[in-house]
Amino acid sequence: MQYSRKQYMDQLIRKKDNGRVKVITGLRRCGKSYLLFTLYRQYLLESGIGEDQIIGLALDEIDNVRYRNPFELNKAIRERMSDSRKRYYIFIDEIQFVSEVQNPYADDKVTFIDVLLGLMKLPNADVYVTGSNSRMLSSDILTQFRDRGDEIRVNPLSYAEIYEHYNGDQRGAWRDYYTYGGMPVVWTMESHEEKSRYLHDLFTRTYIKDILERHQVKNNAEVLDILLNVLASDIGSLTNPSRLSNTFASERQIRVAPDTIDAYIGYFTDAFLIRKAERYDIKGRKYIRTPAKYYYSDPGLRNARLGFRQLEETHLMENVLFNDLIRRGFDVNVGVVEQNCKDETGKKIRKQLEVDFVVNRGDNRTYIQSALSIADPVKKEQEIASLLRIPDSFRKIVVVKDYIMPWHDENGIQYVGVEDFLLDESYIR
């Protein structure tokens, strides 16, 4: 089965031959290599580019280990650029595997940055790299290259992509998606056992292994493992490193400093495993630094962490919506609205109401609530209470699990089913 990955292909095609290095980032095994080495390569060939003009090296393959030395990598590429009259398209997969080596001619280190900077100066080279560590890539490439680097962020398969090729009754697509997520290889497998084993092995043999090796924290592998499980159990819940430190102390009898936990969460976000949603005071128009929410970049990976034991659809639906909004290129925060009210004794208090997502793009904003159902009038009022107290006229949407016809209430709030929302991007622009 071939997914077209149209969103990312369109970006690559627009950026072709623009004089910048194209940096394709994202979670390992989410389809970056397939996008570049299969889909985009096929596009180039169909556009009249010759086979010999496409130079590809996958640095995570054992046959190419020697090219992790920047001098060897540079030499191999330039040797294949044998005809100065031809334009060459250079694909380097998993660029973060390139080592730093001592410069034999100066007192400094040579890195992949030096290789890419050199290739960019060649008038007949168009350079593309993939990588799976956001901090290294964003700081080392996009910062040093300034206006000479373009990032293309690739995500796991979206629900819309899965739905288009779903094999079976499409009413089951939503259940399978929030259970197994969008890692492409999962959708080539038939049984739950195969999918579960694959996702679990991705963690132990790829993601955790990469983090332990890159950050040299092998002595704390157990803490990393527990932290991933805690974050998986608490998706969509407000937390911060101090609270997580207390959880380790009270439930595991393990002392882990908040700063250490904060650093480990940074490792997970750098590897694109999780994403952070900051809180935003809607009335005060300011960000609230802590606590925040964390979501897994793929629900299947989240479920695999917990052995598929905590499949709470309400939290998974919120996670899927967050990921899809990020994929579409929106800035997404968790909204807070303060309400003045009275407690049971009649004392005046200030209560904070939550808006699941404050979604921004440029000057446009949309407020979104995720609700499993609003069939109960009391539940409906609880879900829209925060939306009713927002003092502006931006769009407000409640996304529900139920299969419903989209409609608006007397307050102008729109209600739409989650599958319709995920399949039709016109609901929010």
Protein backbone atom coordinates (compact mmCIF):
# COMPACT_ATOMS: atom_id res chain seq x y z
CA MET A 1 0.00 0.00 0.00
CA GLN A 2 1.41 3.37 -1.02
CA TYR A 3 0.42 6.53 0.83
CA SER A 4 0.92 9.63 -1.27
CA ARG A 5 1.95 11.90 1.67
CA LYS A 6 0.66 14.77 -0.47
CA GLN A 7 1.09 17.42 2.23
CA TYR A 8 4.83 16.79 2.43
CA MET A 9 5.35 16.09 -1.27
CA ASP A 10 3.83 19.47 -2.10
CA GLN A 11 6.32 21.14 0.22
CA LEU A 12 9.29 19.31 -1.31
CA ILE A 13 8.20 20.14 -4.84
CA ARG A 14 7.75 23.82 -4.00
CA LYS A 15 11.23 23.96 -2.44
CA LYS A 16 13.04 22.06 -5.21
CA ASP A 17 16.14 23.87 -6.48
CA ASN A 18 15.59 26.84 -4.14
CA GLY A 19 19.24 27.03 -3.08
CA ARG A 20 18.56 25.91 0.49
CA VAL A 21 19.12 22.63 2.28
CA LYS A 22 15.81 20.84 2.86
CA VAL A 23 15.74 19.40 6.39
CA ILE A 24 13.10 16.68 6.74
CA THR A 25 12.48 16.06 10.43
CA GLY A 26 10.21 13.82 12.46
CA LEU A 27 9.89 10.73 14.59
CA ARG A 28 11.99 7.78 13.47
CA ARG A 29 10.02 5.30 11.36
CA CYS A 30 7.23 7.80 10.63
CA GLY A 31 7.97 7.77 6.88
CA LYS A 32 10.69 10.37 6.28
CA SER A 33 12.92 8.00 4.31
CA TYR A 34 10.00 6.67 2.28
CA LEU A 35 8.94 10.21 1.46
CA LEU A 36 12.39 11.19 0.23
CA PHE A 37 13.88 8.00 -1.21
CA THR A 38 10.72 6.56 -2.76
CA LEU A 39 8.05 9.19 -3.39
CA TYR A 40 10.20 12.23 -4.10
CA ARG A 41 12.78 10.18 -6.00
CA GLN A 42 9.96 8.81 -8.16
CA TYR A 43 8.77 12.37 -8.79
CA LEU A 44 12.25 13.46 -9.89
CA LEU A 45 12.62 10.51 -12.25
CA GLU A 46 9.21 11.20 -13.80
CA SER A 47 10.29 14.85 -14.22
CA GLY A 48 13.21 13.82 -16.41
CA ILE A 49 15.97 13.65 -13.79
CA GLY A 50 18.40 10.80 -14.52
CA GLU A 51 19.13 7.96 -12.11
CA ASP A 52 22.78 9.03 -11.93
CA GLN A 53 21.73 12.52 -10.83
CA ILE A 54 20.19 11.26 -7.59
CA ILE A 55 22.75 10.50 -4.89
CA GLY A 56 21.31 8.77 -1.82
CA LEU A 57 22.97 7.59 1.38
CA ALA A 58 21.12 6.08 4.36
CA LEU A 59 23.40 6.51 7.35
CA ASP A 60 21.43 4.17 9.63
CA GLU A 61 22.36 1.21 7.40
CA ILE A 62 25.40 -0.88 8.31
CA ASP A 63 26.76 -0.78 4.77
CA ASN A 64 27.11 2.99 5.09
CA VAL A 65 28.70 3.20 8.52
CA ARG A 66 31.95 4.59 7.11
CA TYR A 67 30.05 7.61 5.79
CA ARG A 68 29.27 8.67 9.35
CA ASN A 69 32.74 10.21 9.20
CA PRO A 70 32.17 13.67 7.68
CA PHE A 71 35.31 13.44 5.52
CA GLU A 72 34.20 10.09 4.06
CA LEU A 73 30.67 11.40 3.50
CA ASN A 74 31.90 14.49 1.69
CA LYS A 75 34.31 12.47 -0.45
CA ALA A 76 31.68 9.88 -1.46
CA ILE A 77 29.16 12.50 -2.55
CA ARG A 78 31.61 14.62 -4.53
CA GLU A 79 33.03 11.58 -6.32
CA ARG A 80 29.55 10.74 -7.60
CA MET A 81 29.03 14.31 -8.84
CA SER A 82 31.25 13.50 -11.81
CA ASP A 83 29.70 15.76 -14.45
CA SER A 84 29.73 19.50 -13.73
CA ARG A 85 27.13 20.04 -16.47
CA LYS A 86 24.50 18.01 -14.58
CA ARG A 87 22.43 18.98 -11.55
CA TYR A 88 22.59 16.52 -8.68
CA TYR A 89 19.99 15.80 -6.01
CA ILE A 90 21.66 14.68 -2.79
CA PHE A 91 19.66 12.67 -0.22
CA ILE A 92 21.29 11.98 3.18
CA ASP A 93 19.13 9.92 5.54
CA GLU A 94 19.43 10.26 9.35
CA ILE A 95 22.11 12.96 9.24
CA GLN A 96 22.44 12.91 13.05
CA PHE A 97 24.52 9.73 12.75
CA VAL A 98 27.46 11.71 11.37
CA SER A 99 30.18 11.93 14.03
CA GLU A 100 32.25 14.91 15.08
CA VAL A 101 35.89 14.33 14.21
CA GLN A 102 39.03 16.31 14.92
CA ASN A 103 40.01 18.71 12.18
CA PRO A 104 43.57 17.70 11.17
CA TYR A 105 44.29 21.22 9.96
CA ALA A 106 42.90 23.28 12.84
CA ASP A 107 42.06 23.07 16.54
CA ASP A 108 38.35 22.37 16.11
CA LYS A 109 35.86 19.68 15.15
CA VAL A 110 34.45 18.83 11.72
CA THR A 111 30.72 17.92 11.63
CA PHE A 112 27.98 17.28 9.12
CA ILE A 113 27.36 21.03 9.14
CA ASP A 114 30.67 21.54 7.38
CA VAL A 115 29.75 18.92 4.78
CA LEU A 116 26.38 20.53 4.05
CA LEU A 117 27.78 24.06 3.93
CA GLY A 118 30.33 22.89 1.39
CA LEU A 119 27.75 21.12 -0.78
CA MET A 120 25.46 24.16 -0.74
CA LYS A 121 28.20 26.22 -2.36
CA LEU A 122 28.20 23.94 -5.39
CA PRO A 123 26.04 25.47 -8.15
CA ASN A 124 24.81 22.08 -9.36
CA ALA A 125 23.76 20.57 -5.99
CA ASP A 126 20.30 20.42 -4.40
CA VAL A 127 20.61 19.00 -0.88
CA TYR A 128 18.05 17.11 1.22
CA VAL A 129 18.64 15.56 4.66
CA THR A 130 16.45 13.73 7.14
CA GLY A 131 16.90 13.63 10.90
CA SER A 132 15.21 12.46 14.06
CA ASN A 133 16.43 14.85 16.73
CA SER A 134 14.81 18.27 16.83
CA ARG A 135 17.32 20.09 19.05
CA MET A 136 20.35 19.03 17.06
CA LEU A 137 18.71 19.79 13.74
CA SER A 138 17.05 23.05 14.67
CA SER A 139 20.08 24.46 16.47
CA ASP A 140 22.82 23.07 14.26
CA ILE A 141 21.19 23.34 10.83
CA LEU A 142 18.33 25.79 10.79
CA THR A 143 20.12 28.25 13.10
CA GLN A 144 23.54 28.11 11.47
CA PHE A 145 22.08 28.16 7.97
CA ARG A 146 19.75 31.03 8.90
CA ASP A 147 17.82 31.73 5.71
CA ARG A 148 19.51 28.88 3.84
CA GLY A 149 17.63 26.00 5.46
CA ASP A 150 14.00 24.89 5.18
CA GLU A 151 12.42 22.45 7.65
CA ILE A 152 9.72 20.02 6.55
CA ARG A 153 8.20 18.34 9.61
CA VAL A 154 6.81 14.87 8.83
CA ASN A 155 4.22 13.28 11.12
CA PRO A 156 2.87 9.74 11.36
CA LEU A 157 -0.02 8.98 9.02
CA SER A 158 -3.07 11.14 9.71
CA TYR A 159 -6.54 9.74 10.23
CA ALA A 160 -7.53 11.04 6.78
CA GLU A 161 -4.63 9.15 5.17
CA ILE A 162 -5.56 5.94 6.97
CA TYR A 163 -9.26 6.33 6.19
CA GLU A 164 -8.61 6.69 2.46
CA HIS A 165 -6.94 3.26 2.29
CA TYR A 166 -8.70 1.51 5.16
CA ASN A 167 -9.26 -2.16 4.39
CA GLY A 168 -12.67 -3.10 5.75
CA ASP A 169 -15.77 -1.39 7.11
CA GLN A 170 -14.67 2.23 7.42
CA ARG A 171 -16.74 2.62 10.57
CA GLY A 172 -13.93 0.68 12.22
CA ALA A 173 -11.22 3.07 11.02
CA TRP A 174 -11.57 5.45 13.97
CA ARG A 175 -11.30 2.68 16.56
CA ASP A 176 -8.24 1.19 14.87
CA TYR A 177 -6.61 4.59 14.47
CA TYR A 178 -6.88 5.68 18.10
CA THR A 179 -5.70 2.20 19.10
CA TYR A 180 -2.75 1.64 16.75
CA GLY A 181 -1.91 5.17 15.57
CA GLY A 182 -0.30 6.17 12.30
CA MET A 183 3.14 4.55 12.12
CA PRO A 184 3.15 3.32 8.49
CA VAL A 185 4.48 -0.20 9.05
CA VAL A 186 1.66 -0.93 11.52
CA TRP A 187 -0.84 -0.70 8.68
CA THR A 188 0.89 -3.50 6.78
CA MET A 189 0.17 -5.90 9.66
CA GLU A 190 -2.96 -7.92 10.29
CA SER A 191 -3.10 -9.09 13.90
CA HIS A 192 -3.12 -7.18 17.17
CA GLU A 193 -0.15 -9.24 18.32
CA GLU A 194 1.98 -8.15 15.34
CA LYS A 195 1.07 -4.49 15.76
CA SER A 196 1.62 -4.54 19.50
CA ARG A 197 5.02 -6.22 19.21
CA TYR A 198 6.17 -3.82 16.49
CA LEU A 199 5.21 -0.69 18.44
CA HIS A 200 6.74 -2.03 21.65
CA ASP A 201 9.97 -2.92 19.85
CA LEU A 202 10.14 0.56 18.33
CA PHE A 203 10.41 1.94 21.84
CA THR A 204 12.96 -0.46 23.25
CA ARG A 205 15.16 -0.97 20.18
CA THR A 206 14.95 2.43 18.55
CA TYR A 207 13.64 5.39 20.56
CA ILE A 208 14.91 4.59 24.04
CA LYS A 209 18.17 3.20 22.64
CA ASP A 210 18.73 6.44 20.69
CA ILE A 211 18.01 8.60 23.73
CA LEU A 212 20.26 6.60 26.03
CA GLU A 213 23.15 6.71 23.59
CA ARG A 214 22.80 10.35 22.55
CA HIS A 215 22.41 11.76 26.06
CA GLN A 216 24.55 9.17 27.88
CA VAL A 217 21.99 8.42 30.58
CA LYS A 218 22.19 4.62 30.55
CA ASN A 219 22.35 4.52 34.35
CA ASN A 220 18.89 6.09 34.51
CA ALA A 221 17.18 3.88 31.93
CA GLU A 222 14.61 2.78 34.53
CA VAL A 223 13.63 6.38 35.31
CA LEU A 224 13.23 7.18 31.60
CA ASP A 225 11.06 4.10 31.18
CA ILE A 226 8.81 4.96 34.12
CA LEU A 227 8.51 8.60 33.05
CA LEU A 228 7.32 7.58 29.58
CA ASN A 229 4.65 5.40 31.21
CA VAL A 230 3.53 8.15 33.58
CA LEU A 231 3.20 10.64 30.72
CA ALA A 232 1.31 8.01 28.72
CA SER A 233 -1.13 7.45 31.58
CA ASP A 234 -1.68 11.18 32.05
CA ILE A 235 -2.12 12.44 28.47
CA GLY A 236 -4.36 15.47 28.47
CA SER A 237 -3.75 16.13 32.18
CA LEU A 238 -1.98 19.18 33.58
CA THR A 239 1.38 18.42 35.13
CA ASN A 240 4.91 19.75 35.59
CA PRO A 241 8.33 18.38 36.62
CA SER A 242 7.69 19.06 40.33
CA ARG A 243 4.47 17.06 40.33
CA LEU A 244 6.14 14.26 38.42
CA SER A 245 9.02 14.27 40.91
CA ASN A 246 6.49 13.85 43.73
CA THR A 247 4.86 10.98 41.82
CA PHE A 248 8.20 9.16 41.63
CA ALA A 249 8.75 9.68 45.36
CA SER A 250 5.27 8.65 46.53
CA GLU A 251 4.44 5.82 44.12
CA ARG A 252 7.86 4.44 43.21
CA GLN A 253 9.97 5.48 46.20
CA ILE A 254 12.52 6.88 43.75
CA ARG A 255 14.02 10.32 44.20
CA VAL A 256 14.33 12.22 40.94
CA ALA A 257 14.91 15.97 40.98
CA PRO A 258 12.44 18.15 39.01
CA ASP A 259 15.32 19.52 36.93
CA THR A 260 16.27 15.98 35.93
CA ILE A 261 12.71 15.18 34.93
CA ASP A 262 12.52 18.41 32.95
CA ALA A 263 15.70 17.42 31.10
CA TYR A 264 14.33 13.95 30.32
CA ILE A 265 11.07 15.40 29.00
CA GLY A 266 13.26 17.57 26.77
CA TYR A 267 14.93 14.43 25.42
CA PHE A 268 11.50 12.97 24.55
CA THR A 269 10.38 16.13 22.77
CA ASP A 270 13.71 16.37 20.92
CA ALA A 271 13.11 12.85 19.62
CA PHE A 272 9.55 13.86 18.58
CA LEU A 273 8.03 11.26 20.93
CA ILE A 274 5.88 13.74 22.84
CA ARG A 275 4.63 17.28 22.37
CA LYS A 276 4.00 19.97 24.93
CA ALA A 277 0.92 22.21 25.00
CA GLU A 278 1.42 25.46 26.93
CA ARG A 279 -1.42 27.07 28.88
CA TYR A 280 -2.80 30.41 27.73
CA ASP A 281 -4.88 32.85 29.77
CA ILE A 282 -7.48 33.91 27.22
CA LYS A 283 -8.81 36.97 29.06
CA GLY A 284 -5.39 38.06 30.32
CA ARG A 285 -3.79 37.34 26.95
CA LYS A 286 -0.69 35.80 28.43
CA TYR A 287 0.99 32.42 28.69
CA ILE A 288 1.04 30.46 31.93
CA ARG A 289 4.37 28.71 32.18
CA THR A 290 3.30 25.81 34.36
CA PRO A 291 1.62 23.36 34.57
CA ALA A 292 1.26 22.16 30.97
CA LYS A 293 -0.12 19.21 29.04
CA TYR A 294 1.83 16.56 27.18
CA TYR A 295 0.60 14.47 24.27
CA TYR A 296 2.17 11.52 22.50
CA SER A 297 2.98 12.21 18.85
CA ASP A 298 1.36 8.90 17.97
CA PRO A 299 -1.51 7.29 19.92
CA GLY A 300 -0.38 3.79 18.99
CA LEU A 301 3.02 4.37 20.57
CA ARG A 302 1.29 5.74 23.67
CA ASN A 303 -0.93 2.67 23.91
CA ALA A 304 2.02 0.34 23.40
CA ARG A 305 3.76 1.94 26.39
CA LEU A 306 0.84 0.81 28.54
CA GLY A 307 0.36 -2.59 26.97
CA PHE A 308 -2.93 -1.44 25.41
CA ARG A 309 -4.51 -1.50 28.88
CA GLN A 310 -5.72 2.13 29.14
CA LEU A 311 -7.70 2.81 25.96
CA GLU A 312 -9.78 5.68 27.34
CA GLU A 313 -11.37 7.05 24.19
CA THR A 314 -11.94 10.51 25.63
CA HIS A 315 -8.22 11.11 26.26
CA LEU A 316 -7.10 9.42 23.06
CA MET A 317 -9.55 11.52 21.05
CA GLU A 318 -8.06 14.67 22.56
CA ASN A 319 -4.57 13.42 21.72
CA VAL A 320 -5.53 12.67 18.11
CA LEU A 321 -7.13 16.11 17.68
CA PHE A 322 -4.07 17.86 19.09
CA ASN A 323 -1.74 15.96 16.75
CA ASP A 324 -3.89 16.68 13.72
CA LEU A 325 -4.05 20.40 14.46
CA ILE A 326 -0.26 20.49 14.80
CA ARG A 327 0.08 18.56 11.53
CA ARG A 328 -2.04 21.17 9.76
CA GLY A 329 0.41 23.86 10.84
CA PHE A 330 -1.55 25.56 13.63
CA ASP A 331 -0.12 26.87 16.89
CA VAL A 332 -2.05 25.04 19.62
CA ASN A 333 -2.30 25.92 23.31
CA VAL A 334 -4.48 24.92 26.25
CA GLY A 335 -6.88 27.75 27.11
CA VAL A 336 -7.82 29.05 30.56
CA VAL A 337 -10.82 31.28 31.34
CA GLU A 338 -11.45 32.63 34.83
CA GLN A 339 -14.98 32.68 36.21
CA ASN A 340 -16.19 34.60 39.24
CA CYS A 341 -18.63 32.49 41.24
CA LYS A 342 -19.58 31.44 44.78
CA ASP A 343 -18.72 28.31 46.68
CA GLU A 344 -21.14 26.23 48.77
CA THR A 345 -20.91 28.71 51.66
CA GLY A 346 -21.68 31.69 49.43
CA LYS A 347 -18.12 32.98 49.46
CA LYS A 348 -16.96 34.60 46.24
CA ILE A 349 -14.24 32.61 44.49
CA ARG A 350 -12.45 32.65 41.15
CA LYS A 351 -12.65 29.41 39.21
CA GLN A 352 -10.57 28.43 36.22
CA LEU A 353 -12.36 26.84 33.29
CA GLU A 354 -10.43 25.04 30.58
CA VAL A 355 -10.64 25.31 26.81
CA ASP A 356 -9.05 22.19 25.36
CA PHE A 357 -7.40 23.97 22.44
CA VAL A 358 -6.73 27.57 21.50
CA VAL A 359 -5.82 27.25 17.83
CA ASN A 360 -4.00 30.06 16.04
CA ARG A 361 -2.70 30.75 12.57
CA GLY A 362 -1.76 34.34 11.88
CA ASP A 363 -4.66 36.57 12.89
CA ASN A 364 -7.17 33.71 12.86
CA ARG A 365 -8.16 31.91 16.03
CA THR A 366 -10.52 29.05 16.86
CA TYR A 367 -11.47 27.62 20.25
CA ILE A 368 -12.06 23.86 20.33
CA GLN A 369 -13.51 21.56 22.96
CA SER A 370 -13.15 17.78 22.68
CA ALA A 371 -16.14 15.89 24.11
CA LEU A 372 -16.98 12.22 23.84
CA SER A 373 -20.71 13.03 23.96
CA ILE A 374 -23.07 15.94 24.64
CA ALA A 375 -26.27 13.89 24.63
CA ASP A 376 -26.77 14.69 28.33
CA PRO A 377 -27.82 18.38 28.67
CA VAL A 378 -25.83 18.70 31.89
CA LYS A 379 -22.72 17.35 30.19
CA LYS A 380 -23.24 19.73 27.29
CA GLU A 381 -23.42 22.74 29.62
CA GLN A 382 -20.21 21.64 31.33
CA GLU A 383 -18.42 21.34 28.01
CA ILE A 384 -19.41 24.77 26.70
CA ALA A 385 -19.16 26.70 29.99
CA SER A 386 -15.66 27.93 29.19
CA LEU A 387 -16.55 28.81 25.59
CA LEU A 388 -19.48 30.96 26.72
CA ARG A 389 -17.16 33.05 28.89
CA ILE A 390 -14.65 33.94 26.18
CA PRO A 391 -14.97 37.68 25.49
CA ASP A 392 -14.31 37.69 21.74
CA SER A 393 -16.03 36.66 18.52
CA PHE A 394 -13.62 34.02 17.21
CA ARG A 395 -15.08 30.68 16.13
CA LYS A 396 -15.94 28.10 18.77
CA ILE A 397 -16.26 24.39 17.98
CA VAL A 398 -17.17 21.35 20.05
CA VAL A 399 -15.84 18.15 18.48
CA VAL A 400 -17.78 15.08 19.63
CA LYS A 401 -17.37 11.35 19.16
CA ASP A 402 -21.01 10.88 18.15
CA TYR A 403 -21.98 10.57 14.49
CA ILE A 404 -23.92 13.81 14.02
CA MET A 405 -24.82 16.30 11.34
CA PRO A 406 -22.82 19.49 11.97
CA TRP A 407 -24.96 22.18 13.57
CA HIS A 408 -24.80 25.50 15.45
CA ASP A 409 -26.55 26.37 18.69
CA GLU A 410 -28.08 29.70 19.66
CA ASN A 411 -24.70 30.89 20.99
CA GLY A 412 -23.00 30.39 17.64
CA ILE A 413 -21.06 27.34 18.84
CA GLN A 414 -20.62 24.69 16.16
CA TYR A 415 -20.87 20.95 16.88
CA VAL A 416 -19.19 18.40 14.61
CA GLY A 417 -18.29 14.72 14.79
CA VAL A 418 -14.62 13.86 15.24
CA GLU A 419 -14.36 11.86 12.04
CA ASP A 420 -15.89 14.65 9.96
CA PHE A 421 -13.51 17.13 11.60
CA LEU A 422 -10.46 14.99 10.84
CA LEU A 423 -11.50 14.27 7.26
CA ASP A 424 -12.57 17.77 6.26
CA GLU A 425 -9.99 20.49 6.97
CA SER A 426 -12.41 23.25 5.98
CA TYR A 427 -13.91 23.28 9.48
CA ILE A 428 -10.91 25.29 10.59
CA ARG A 429 -8.50 27.35 8.50
